[in-house]
Amino acid sequence: MKSYNYNYAIVMYDISDTESEAGKNRVTKVFKICKKYFHHHQKSIFRGNITPSRIIKFREEIKKVIDEELDFVSIIKLQNKNVFEEEVLGTDDKPSESLFL
């Protein structure tokens, strides 16, 4: 299996049971961790440049906070931000980094 150096990632999450105090705390903690490593794109979606070692640190921090039986965190790793195309339907009213150069 070939190993790749991923230098860009898109992260999205869905933290369960946000009606409870524990769920709200997990949402806040996950948001803060994501904000530390990535640019906030929209609601529970983050993206940005990141080194492979920082992806490992990010994953370790997230795993300490989430309940793996209830919560969902997706990390889509890419070699760089130019290897995919984004199509937006509807309004994209929040400015974010440009994907197209």
PDB file of N, CA and C in Angstrom:
ATOM      1  N   MET A   1       0.837  -1.174   0.000  1.00  0.00           N
ATOM      2  CA  MET A   1       0.000   0.000   0.000  1.00  0.00           C
ATOM      3  C   MET A   1       0.885   1.242   0.000  1.00  0.00           C
ATOM      4  N   LYS A   2       0.636   2.151  -0.908  1.00  0.00           N
ATOM      5  CA  LYS A   2       1.433   3.360  -1.035  1.00  0.00           C
ATOM      6  C   LYS A   2       1.020   4.383   0.020  1.00  0.00           C
ATOM      7  N   SER A   3       2.021   5.023   0.622  1.00  0.00           N
ATOM      8  CA  SER A   3       1.767   6.045   1.627  1.00  0.00           C
ATOM      9  C   SER A   3       1.823   7.427   0.977  1.00  0.00           C
ATOM     10  N   TYR A   4       0.846   8.274   1.309  1.00  0.00           N
ATOM     11  CA  TYR A   4       0.789   9.621   0.757  1.00  0.00           C
ATOM     12  C   TYR A   4       0.991  10.634   1.869  1.00  0.00           C
ATOM     13  N   ASN A   5       1.576  11.771   1.507  1.00  0.00           N
ATOM     14  CA  ASN A   5       1.630  12.898   2.419  1.00  0.00           C
ATOM     15  C   ASN A   5       0.445  13.789   2.110  1.00  0.00           C
ATOM     16  N   TYR A   6      -0.523  13.791   3.006  1.00  0.00           N
ATOM     17  CA  TYR A   6      -1.696  14.626   2.832  1.00  0.00           C
ATOM     18  C   TYR A   6      -1.424  15.987   3.441  1.00  0.00           C
ATOM     19  N   ASN A   7      -1.643  17.038   2.681  1.00  0.00           N
ATOM     20  CA  ASN A   7      -1.316  18.380   3.126  1.00  0.00           C
ATOM     21  C   ASN A   7      -2.525  19.306   3.154  1.00  0.00           C
ATOM     22  N   TYR A   8      -3.714  18.767   2.929  1.00  0.00           N
ATOM     23  CA  TYR A   8      -4.941  19.554   2.947  1.00  0.00           C
ATOM     24  C   TYR A   8      -6.051  18.636   3.431  1.00  0.00           C
ATOM     25  N   ALA A   9      -6.954  19.160   4.225  1.00  0.00           N
ATOM     26  CA  ALA A   9      -8.039  18.309   4.722  1.00  0.00           C
ATOM     27  C   ALA A   9      -9.338  19.097   4.838  1.00  0.00           C
ATOM     28  N   ILE A  10     -10.416  18.380   4.701  1.00  0.00           N
ATOM     29  CA  ILE A  10     -11.760  18.885   4.955  1.00  0.00           C
ATOM     30  C   ILE A  10     -12.302  18.053   6.119  1.00  0.00           C
ATOM     31  N   VAL A  11     -12.801  18.732   7.136  1.00  0.00           N
ATOM     32  CA  VAL A  11     -13.326  18.049   8.323  1.00  0.00           C
ATOM     33  C   VAL A  11     -14.778  18.444   8.501  1.00  0.00           C
ATOM     34  N   MET A  12     -15.611  17.455   8.745  1.00  0.00           N
ATOM     35  CA  MET A  12     -17.015  17.717   9.055  1.00  0.00           C
ATOM     36  C   MET A  12     -17.416  16.804  10.207  1.00  0.00           C
ATOM     37  N   TYR A  13     -18.307  17.321  11.025  1.00  0.00           N
ATOM     38  CA  TYR A  13     -18.700  16.517  12.183  1.00  0.00           C
ATOM     39  C   TYR A  13     -20.179  16.663  12.491  1.00  0.00           C
ATOM     40  N   ASP A  14     -20.693  15.660  13.207  1.00  0.00           N
ATOM     41  CA  ASP A  14     -22.055  15.666  13.724  1.00  0.00           C
ATOM     42  C   ASP A  14     -21.954  15.076  15.128  1.00  0.00           C
ATOM     43  N   ILE A  15     -22.091  15.928  16.121  1.00  0.00           N
ATOM     44  CA  ILE A  15     -21.991  15.491  17.510  1.00  0.00           C
ATOM     45  C   ILE A  15     -23.401  15.222  18.025  1.00  0.00           C
ATOM     46  N   SER A  16     -23.628  14.036  18.517  1.00  0.00           N
ATOM     47  CA  SER A  16     -24.953  13.584  18.924  1.00  0.00           C
ATOM     48  C   SER A  16     -25.387  14.201  20.253  1.00  0.00           C
ATOM     49  N   ASP A  17     -26.698  14.205  20.447  1.00  0.00           N
ATOM     50  CA  ASP A  17     -27.306  14.581  21.722  1.00  0.00           C
ATOM     51  C   ASP A  17     -26.936  15.998  22.161  1.00  0.00           C
ATOM     52  N   THR A  18     -27.054  16.955  21.250  1.00  0.00           N
ATOM     53  CA  THR A  18     -26.730  18.338  21.590  1.00  0.00           C
ATOM     54  C   THR A  18     -27.759  18.954  22.526  1.00  0.00           C
ATOM     55  N   GLU A  19     -28.851  18.248  22.817  1.00  0.00           N
ATOM     56  CA  GLU A  19     -29.846  18.744  23.772  1.00  0.00           C
ATOM     57  C   GLU A  19     -29.361  18.568  25.207  1.00  0.00           C
ATOM     58  N   SER A  20     -28.451  17.631  25.441  1.00  0.00           N
ATOM     59  CA  SER A  20     -27.935  17.421  26.789  1.00  0.00           C
ATOM     60  C   SER A  20     -26.719  18.301  27.037  1.00  0.00           C
ATOM     61  N   GLU A  21     -26.418  18.505  28.292  1.00  0.00           N
ATOM     62  CA  GLU A  21     -25.250  19.325  28.650  1.00  0.00           C
ATOM     63  C   GLU A  21     -23.957  18.672  28.160  1.00  0.00           C
ATOM     64  N   ALA A  22     -23.861  17.341  28.274  1.00  0.00           N
ATOM     65  CA  ALA A  22     -22.661  16.637  27.812  1.00  0.00           C
ATOM     66  C   ALA A  22     -22.486  16.785  26.306  1.00  0.00           C
ATOM     67  N   GLY A  23     -23.589  16.698  25.561  1.00  0.00           N
ATOM     68  CA  GLY A  23     -23.525  16.859  24.109  1.00  0.00           C
ATOM     69  C   GLY A  23     -23.092  18.261  23.721  1.00  0.00           C
ATOM     70  N   LYS A  24     -23.640  19.268  24.410  1.00  0.00           N
ATOM     71  CA  LYS A  24     -23.261  20.655  24.131  1.00  0.00           C
ATOM     72  C   LYS A  24     -21.787  20.887  24.421  1.00  0.00           C
ATOM     73  N   ASN A  25     -21.290  20.308  25.505  1.00  0.00           N
ATOM     74  CA  ASN A  25     -19.873  20.448  25.835  1.00  0.00           C
ATOM     75  C   ASN A  25     -18.990  19.808  24.773  1.00  0.00           C
ATOM     76  N   ARG A  26     -19.393  18.643  24.271  1.00  0.00           N
ATOM     77  CA  ARG A  26     -18.610  17.976  23.225  1.00  0.00           C
ATOM     78  C   ARG A  26     -18.612  18.809  21.954  1.00  0.00           C
ATOM     79  N   VAL A  27     -19.759  19.386  21.590  1.00  0.00           N
ATOM     80  CA  VAL A  27     -19.841  20.224  20.395  1.00  0.00           C
ATOM     81  C   VAL A  27     -18.871  21.390  20.519  1.00  0.00           C
ATOM     82  N   THR A  28     -18.884  22.062  21.658  1.00  0.00           N
ATOM     83  CA  THR A  28     -17.997  23.206  21.874  1.00  0.00           C
ATOM     84  C   THR A  28     -16.529  22.795  21.815  1.00  0.00           C
ATOM     85  N   LYS A  29     -16.195  21.691  22.445  1.00  0.00           N
ATOM     86  CA  LYS A  29     -14.805  21.226  22.456  1.00  0.00           C
ATOM     87  C   LYS A  29     -14.337  20.829  21.056  1.00  0.00           C
ATOM     88  N   VAL A  30     -15.178  20.108  20.316  1.00  0.00           N
ATOM     89  CA  VAL A  30     -14.807  19.705  18.952  1.00  0.00           C
ATOM     90  C   VAL A  30     -14.636  20.940  18.073  1.00  0.00           C
ATOM     91  N   PHE A  31     -15.540  21.907  18.192  1.00  0.00           N
ATOM     92  CA  PHE A  31     -15.431  23.147  17.420  1.00  0.00           C
ATOM     93  C   PHE A  31     -14.101  23.838  17.701  1.00  0.00           C
ATOM     94  N   LYS A  32     -13.736  23.970  18.964  1.00  0.00           N
ATOM     95  CA  LYS A  32     -12.488  24.650  19.339  1.00  0.00           C
ATOM     96  C   LYS A  32     -11.254  23.913  18.816  1.00  0.00           C
ATOM     97  N   ILE A  33     -11.280  22.598  18.861  1.00  0.00           N
ATOM     98  CA  ILE A  33     -10.151  21.821  18.339  1.00  0.00           C
ATOM     99  C   ILE A  33     -10.042  22.024  16.831  1.00  0.00           C
ATOM    100  N   CYS A  34     -11.165  21.933  16.133  1.00  0.00           N
ATOM    101  CA  CYS A  34     -11.150  22.127  14.674  1.00  0.00           C
ATOM    102  C   CYS A  34     -10.642  23.527  14.329  1.00  0.00           C
ATOM    103  N   LYS A  35     -11.091  24.525  15.059  1.00  0.00           N
ATOM    104  CA  LYS A  35     -10.704  25.917  14.811  1.00  0.00           C
ATOM    105  C   LYS A  35      -9.199  26.107  15.007  1.00  0.00           C
ATOM    106  N   LYS A  36      -8.615  25.329  15.893  1.00  0.00           N
ATOM    107  CA  LYS A  36      -7.174  25.411  16.164  1.00  0.00           C
ATOM    108  C   LYS A  36      -6.350  24.924  14.966  1.00  0.00           C
ATOM    109  N   TYR A  37      -6.887  23.989  14.200  1.00  0.00           N
ATOM    110  CA  TYR A  37      -6.132  23.372  13.116  1.00  0.00           C
ATOM    111  C   TYR A  37      -6.561  23.824  11.716  1.00  0.00           C
ATOM    112  N   PHE A  38      -7.812  24.275  11.572  1.00  0.00           N
ATOM    113  CA  PHE A  38      -8.364  24.536  10.248  1.00  0.00           C
ATOM    114  C   PHE A  38      -9.098  25.870  10.193  1.00  0.00           C
ATOM    115  N   HIS A  39      -9.483  26.272   8.976  1.00  0.00           N
ATOM    116  CA  HIS A  39     -10.323  27.445   8.758  1.00  0.00           C
ATOM    117  C   HIS A  39     -11.778  27.007   8.845  1.00  0.00           C
ATOM    118  N   HIS A  40     -12.567  27.766   9.580  1.00  0.00           N
ATOM    119  CA  HIS A  40     -13.991  27.468   9.708  1.00  0.00           C
ATOM    120  C   HIS A  40     -14.672  27.831   8.400  1.00  0.00           C
ATOM    121  N   HIS A  41     -15.299  26.874   7.764  1.00  0.00           N
ATOM    122  CA  HIS A  41     -15.930  27.101   6.468  1.00  0.00           C
ATOM    123  C   HIS A  41     -17.425  27.370   6.624  1.00  0.00           C
ATOM    124  N   GLN A  42     -18.129  26.454   7.280  1.00  0.00           N
ATOM    125  CA  GLN A  42     -19.567  26.619   7.462  1.00  0.00           C
ATOM    126  C   GLN A  42     -20.047  25.659   8.541  1.00  0.00           C
ATOM    127  N   LYS A  43     -20.773  26.178   9.508  1.00  0.00           N
ATOM    128  CA  LYS A  43     -21.359  25.398  10.599  1.00  0.00           C
ATOM    129  C   LYS A  43     -20.380  24.360  11.140  1.00  0.00           C
ATOM    130  N   SER A  44     -20.522  23.106  10.813  1.00  0.00           N
ATOM    131  CA  SER A  44     -19.618  22.071  11.337  1.00  0.00           C
ATOM    132  C   SER A  44     -18.660  21.567  10.261  1.00  0.00           C
ATOM    133  N   ILE A  45     -18.225  22.465   9.385  1.00  0.00           N
ATOM    134  CA  ILE A  45     -17.298  22.111   8.311  1.00  0.00           C
ATOM    135  C   ILE A  45     -16.070  23.021   8.391  1.00  0.00           C
ATOM    136  N   PHE A  46     -14.923  22.406   8.375  1.00  0.00           N
ATOM    137  CA  PHE A  46     -13.648  23.102   8.419  1.00  0.00           C
ATOM    138  C   PHE A  46     -12.776  22.582   7.294  1.00  0.00           C
ATOM    139  N   ARG A  47     -11.801  23.392   6.864  1.00  0.00           N
ATOM    140  CA  ARG A  47     -10.859  22.912   5.842  1.00  0.00           C
ATOM    141  C   ARG A  47      -9.613  23.773   5.872  1.00  0.00           C
ATOM    142  N   GLY A  48      -8.541  23.226   5.307  1.00  0.00           N
ATOM    143  CA  GLY A  48      -7.320  24.009   5.220  1.00  0.00           C
ATOM    144  C   GLY A  48      -6.080  23.157   5.083  1.00  0.00           C
ATOM    145  N   ASN A  49      -4.977  23.851   4.914  1.00  0.00           N
ATOM    146  CA  ASN A  49      -3.678  23.201   4.822  1.00  0.00           C
ATOM    147  C   ASN A  49      -3.283  22.659   6.190  1.00  0.00           C
ATOM    148  N   ILE A  50      -2.646  21.509   6.185  1.00  0.00           N
ATOM    149  CA  ILE A  50      -2.209  20.894   7.435  1.00  0.00           C
ATOM    150  C   ILE A  50      -1.118  19.884   7.114  1.00  0.00           C
ATOM    151  N   THR A  51      -0.142  19.775   7.976  1.00  0.00           N
ATOM    152  CA  THR A  51       0.933  18.802   7.772  1.00  0.00           C
ATOM    153  C   THR A  51       0.469  17.425   8.246  1.00  0.00           C
ATOM    154  N   PRO A  52       1.092  16.364   7.741  1.00  0.00           N
ATOM    155  CA  PRO A  52       0.716  15.026   8.199  1.00  0.00           C
ATOM    156  C   PRO A  52       0.842  14.854   9.715  1.00  0.00           C
ATOM    157  N   SER A  53       1.862  15.426  10.324  1.00  0.00           N
ATOM    158  CA  SER A  53       2.030  15.288  11.774  1.00  0.00           C
ATOM    159  C   SER A  53       0.926  16.020  12.538  1.00  0.00           C
ATOM    160  N   ARG A  54       0.462  17.150  12.005  1.00  0.00           N
ATOM    161  CA  ARG A  54      -0.625  17.884  12.665  1.00  0.00           C
ATOM    162  C   ARG A  54      -1.967  17.159  12.483  1.00  0.00           C
ATOM    163  N   ILE A  55      -2.133  16.411  11.391  1.00  0.00           N
ATOM    164  CA  ILE A  55      -3.350  15.587  11.250  1.00  0.00           C
ATOM    165  C   ILE A  55      -3.382  14.538  12.364  1.00  0.00           C
ATOM    166  N   ILE A  56      -2.239  13.953  12.658  1.00  0.00           N
ATOM    167  CA  ILE A  56      -2.157  12.953  13.727  1.00  0.00           C
ATOM    168  C   ILE A  56      -2.519  13.583  15.067  1.00  0.00           C
ATOM    169  N   LYS A  57      -1.966  14.766  15.357  1.00  0.00           N
ATOM    170  CA  LYS A  57      -2.276  15.465  16.613  1.00  0.00           C
ATOM    171  C   LYS A  57      -3.757  15.825  16.677  1.00  0.00           C
ATOM    172  N   PHE A  58      -4.289  16.327  15.563  1.00  0.00           N
ATOM    173  CA  PHE A  58      -5.708  16.685  15.493  1.00  0.00           C
ATOM    174  C   PHE A  58      -6.571  15.466  15.815  1.00  0.00           C
ATOM    175  N   ARG A  59      -6.285  14.341  15.171  1.00  0.00           N
ATOM    176  CA  ARG A  59      -7.054  13.107  15.379  1.00  0.00           C
ATOM    177  C   ARG A  59      -7.006  12.677  16.845  1.00  0.00           C
ATOM    178  N   GLU A  60      -5.814  12.754  17.455  1.00  0.00           N
ATOM    179  CA  GLU A  60      -5.671  12.358  18.858  1.00  0.00           C
ATOM    180  C   GLU A  60      -6.512  13.246  19.777  1.00  0.00           C
ATOM    181  N   GLU A  61      -6.519  14.558  19.529  1.00  0.00           N
ATOM    182  CA  GLU A  61      -7.309  15.477  20.341  1.00  0.00           C
ATOM    183  C   GLU A  61      -8.802  15.211  20.200  1.00  0.00           C
ATOM    184  N   ILE A  62      -9.238  15.005  18.969  1.00  0.00           N
ATOM    185  CA  ILE A  62     -10.664  14.752  18.717  1.00  0.00           C
ATOM    186  C   ILE A  62     -11.109  13.461  19.402  1.00  0.00           C
ATOM    187  N   LYS A  63     -10.300  12.416  19.307  1.00  0.00           N
ATOM    188  CA  LYS A  63     -10.676  11.119  19.882  1.00  0.00           C
ATOM    189  C   LYS A  63     -10.855  11.196  21.396  1.00  0.00           C
ATOM    190  N   LYS A  64     -10.141  12.119  22.052  1.00  0.00           N
ATOM    191  CA  LYS A  64     -10.264  12.280  23.501  1.00  0.00           C
ATOM    192  C   LYS A  64     -11.597  12.928  23.892  1.00  0.00           C
ATOM    193  N   VAL A  65     -12.236  13.631  22.963  1.00  0.00           N
ATOM    194  CA  VAL A  65     -13.441  14.400  23.266  1.00  0.00           C
ATOM    195  C   VAL A  65     -14.721  13.690  22.844  1.00  0.00           C
ATOM    196  N   ILE A  66     -14.715  13.072  21.682  1.00  0.00           N
ATOM    197  CA  ILE A  66     -15.960  12.525  21.137  1.00  0.00           C
ATOM    198  C   ILE A  66     -16.349  11.208  21.809  1.00  0.00           C
ATOM    199  N   ASP A  67     -17.603  10.899  21.687  1.00  0.00           N
ATOM    200  CA  ASP A  67     -18.124   9.599  22.081  1.00  0.00           C
ATOM    201  C   ASP A  67     -18.239   8.807  20.779  1.00  0.00           C
ATOM    202  N   GLU A  68     -17.359   7.857  20.581  1.00  0.00           N
ATOM    203  CA  GLU A  68     -17.299   7.136  19.305  1.00  0.00           C
ATOM    204  C   GLU A  68     -18.546   6.297  19.033  1.00  0.00           C
ATOM    205  N   GLU A  69     -19.360   6.066  20.042  1.00  0.00           N
ATOM    206  CA  GLU A  69     -20.619   5.335  19.861  1.00  0.00           C
ATOM    207  C   GLU A  69     -21.728   6.251  19.334  1.00  0.00           C
ATOM    208  N   LEU A  70     -21.607   7.572  19.572  1.00  0.00           N
ATOM    209  CA  LEU A  70     -22.673   8.505  19.229  1.00  0.00           C
ATOM    210  C   LEU A  70     -22.291   9.547  18.182  1.00  0.00           C
ATOM    211  N   ASP A  71     -21.040   9.940  18.150  1.00  0.00           N
ATOM    212  CA  ASP A  71     -20.605  11.080  17.335  1.00  0.00           C
ATOM    213  C   ASP A  71     -19.947  10.642  16.037  1.00  0.00           C
ATOM    214  N   PHE A  72     -19.933  11.578  15.093  1.00  0.00           N
ATOM    215  CA  PHE A  72     -19.368  11.327  13.763  1.00  0.00           C
ATOM    216  C   PHE A  72     -18.407  12.465  13.415  1.00  0.00           C
ATOM    217  N   VAL A  73     -17.179  12.117  13.046  1.00  0.00           N
ATOM    218  CA  VAL A  73     -16.206  13.091  12.544  1.00  0.00           C
ATOM    219  C   VAL A  73     -15.584  12.492  11.292  1.00  0.00           C
ATOM    220  N   SER A  74     -15.640  13.242  10.207  1.00  0.00           N
ATOM    221  CA  SER A  74     -15.062  12.789   8.943  1.00  0.00           C
ATOM    222  C   SER A  74     -13.882  13.692   8.588  1.00  0.00           C
ATOM    223  N   ILE A  75     -12.745  13.079   8.286  1.00  0.00           N
ATOM    224  CA  ILE A  75     -11.549  13.804   7.854  1.00  0.00           C
ATOM    225  C   ILE A  75     -11.254  13.359   6.429  1.00  0.00           C
ATOM    226  N   ILE A  76     -11.462  14.248   5.480  1.00  0.00           N
ATOM    227  CA  ILE A  76     -11.164  13.949   4.083  1.00  0.00           C
ATOM    228  C   ILE A  76      -9.796  14.530   3.793  1.00  0.00           C
ATOM    229  N   LYS A  77      -8.824  13.651   3.544  1.00  0.00           N
ATOM    230  CA  LYS A  77      -7.440  14.081   3.358  1.00  0.00           C
ATOM    231  C   LYS A  77      -7.093  14.133   1.874  1.00  0.00           C
ATOM    232  N   LEU A  78      -6.467  15.225   1.491  1.00  0.00           N
ATOM    233  CA  LEU A  78      -6.074  15.448   0.101  1.00  0.00           C
ATOM    234  C   LEU A  78      -4.599  15.816   0.057  1.00  0.00           C
ATOM    235  N   GLN A  79      -3.976  15.564  -1.082  1.00  0.00           N
ATOM    236  CA  GLN A  79      -2.569  15.919  -1.195  1.00  0.00           C
ATOM    237  C   GLN A  79      -2.373  17.430  -1.222  1.00  0.00           C
ATOM    238  N   ASN A  80      -3.319  18.151  -1.819  1.00  0.00           N
ATOM    239  CA  ASN A  80      -3.281  19.616  -1.801  1.00  0.00           C
ATOM    240  C   ASN A  80      -4.663  20.135  -2.157  1.00  0.00           C
ATOM    241  N   LYS A  81      -4.850  21.438  -2.040  1.00  0.00           N
ATOM    242  CA  LYS A  81      -6.188  21.998  -2.246  1.00  0.00           C
ATOM    243  C   LYS A  81      -6.582  22.111  -3.708  1.00  0.00           C
ATOM    244  N   ASN A  82      -5.716  21.735  -4.626  1.00  0.00           N
ATOM    245  CA  ASN A  82      -6.003  21.850  -6.048  1.00  0.00           C
ATOM    246  C   ASN A  82      -6.454  20.540  -6.687  1.00  0.00           C
ATOM    247  N   VAL A  83      -6.655  19.488  -5.903  1.00  0.00           N
ATOM    248  CA  VAL A  83      -6.975  18.184  -6.476  1.00  0.00           C
ATOM    249  C   VAL A  83      -8.466  17.855  -6.446  1.00  0.00           C
ATOM    250  N   PHE A  84      -9.283  18.843  -6.143  1.00  0.00           N
ATOM    251  CA  PHE A  84     -10.717  18.598  -6.180  1.00  0.00           C
ATOM    252  C   PHE A  84     -11.429  19.853  -6.661  1.00  0.00           C
ATOM    253  N   GLU A  85     -12.665  19.673  -7.029  1.00  0.00           N
ATOM    254  CA  GLU A  85     -13.483  20.788  -7.481  1.00  0.00           C
ATOM    255  C   GLU A  85     -14.682  20.891  -6.554  1.00  0.00           C
ATOM    256  N   GLU A  86     -15.004  22.088  -6.138  1.00  0.00           N
ATOM    257  CA  GLU A  86     -16.148  22.306  -5.276  1.00  0.00           C
ATOM    258  C   GLU A  86     -17.279  22.924  -6.083  1.00  0.00           C
ATOM    259  N   GLU A  87     -18.448  22.345  -5.951  1.00  0.00           N
ATOM    260  CA  GLU A  87     -19.642  22.900  -6.575  1.00  0.00           C
ATOM    261  C   GLU A  87     -20.582  23.323  -5.450  1.00  0.00           C
ATOM    262  N   VAL A  88     -20.979  24.577  -5.452  1.00  0.00           N
ATOM    263  CA  VAL A  88     -21.847  25.103  -4.400  1.00  0.00           C
ATOM    264  C   VAL A  88     -23.226  25.359  -4.977  1.00  0.00           C
ATOM    265  N   LEU A  89     -24.240  24.817  -4.340  1.00  0.00           N
ATOM    266  CA  LEU A  89     -25.630  25.061  -4.718  1.00  0.00           C
ATOM    267  C   LEU A  89     -26.261  25.893  -3.612  1.00  0.00           C
ATOM    268  N   GLY A  90     -26.976  26.897  -3.959  1.00  0.00           N
ATOM    269  CA  GLY A  90     -27.552  27.770  -2.953  1.00  0.00           C
ATOM    270  C   GLY A  90     -26.574  28.870  -2.586  1.00  0.00           C
ATOM    271  N   THR A  91     -26.810  29.508  -1.458  1.00  0.00           N
ATOM    272  CA  THR A  91     -25.999  30.649  -1.076  1.00  0.00           C
ATOM    273  C   THR A  91     -24.741  30.228  -0.328  1.00  0.00           C
ATOM    274  N   ASP A  92     -23.679  30.847  -0.646  1.00  0.00           N
ATOM    275  CA  ASP A  92     -22.411  30.665   0.056  1.00  0.00           C
ATOM    276  C   ASP A  92     -22.064  32.034   0.630  1.00  0.00           C
ATOM    277  N   ASP A  93     -22.869  32.459   1.616  1.00  0.00           N
ATOM    278  CA  ASP A  93     -22.780  33.822   2.106  1.00  0.00           C
ATOM    279  C   ASP A  93     -21.649  34.085   3.076  1.00  0.00           C
ATOM    280  N   LYS A  94     -20.943  33.057   3.483  1.00  0.00           N
ATOM    281  CA  LYS A  94     -19.837  33.244   4.399  1.00  0.00           C
ATOM    282  C   LYS A  94     -18.525  33.149   3.625  1.00  0.00           C
ATOM    283  N   PRO A  95     -17.700  34.194   3.662  1.00  0.00           N
ATOM    284  CA  PRO A  95     -16.442  34.127   2.919  1.00  0.00           C
ATOM    285  C   PRO A  95     -15.521  33.053   3.494  1.00  0.00           C
ATOM    286  N   SER A  96     -14.840  32.374   2.610  1.00  0.00           N
ATOM    287  CA  SER A  96     -13.865  31.366   3.027  1.00  0.00           C
ATOM    288  C   SER A  96     -12.698  31.458   2.081  1.00  0.00           C
ATOM    289  N   GLU A  97     -11.700  30.660   2.342  1.00  0.00           N
ATOM    290  CA  GLU A  97     -10.529  30.709   1.471  1.00  0.00           C
ATOM    291  C   GLU A  97     -10.888  30.256   0.070  1.00  0.00           C
ATOM    292  N   SER A  98     -10.234  30.807  -0.914  1.00  0.00           N
ATOM    293  CA  SER A  98     -10.504  30.438  -2.285  1.00  0.00           C
ATOM    294  C   SER A  98      -9.854  29.100  -2.606  1.00  0.00           C
ATOM    295  N   LEU A  99     -10.610  28.222  -3.247  1.00  0.00           N
ATOM    296  CA  LEU A  99     -10.070  26.940  -3.650  1.00  0.00           C
ATOM    297  C   LEU A  99      -9.489  26.981  -5.054  1.00  0.00           C
ATOM    298  N   PHE A 100      -9.830  28.006  -5.791  1.00  0.00           N
ATOM    299  CA  PHE A 100      -9.427  28.052  -7.171  1.00  0.00           C
ATOM    300  C   PHE A 100      -8.453  29.188  -7.370  1.00  0.00           C
ATOM    301  N   LEU A 101      -7.310  28.862  -7.920  1.00  0.00           N
ATOM    302  CA  LEU A 101      -6.274  29.867  -8.146  1.00  0.00           C
ATOM    303  C   LEU A 101      -6.196  30.240  -9.599  1.00  0.00           C
TER     304      LEU A 101
END
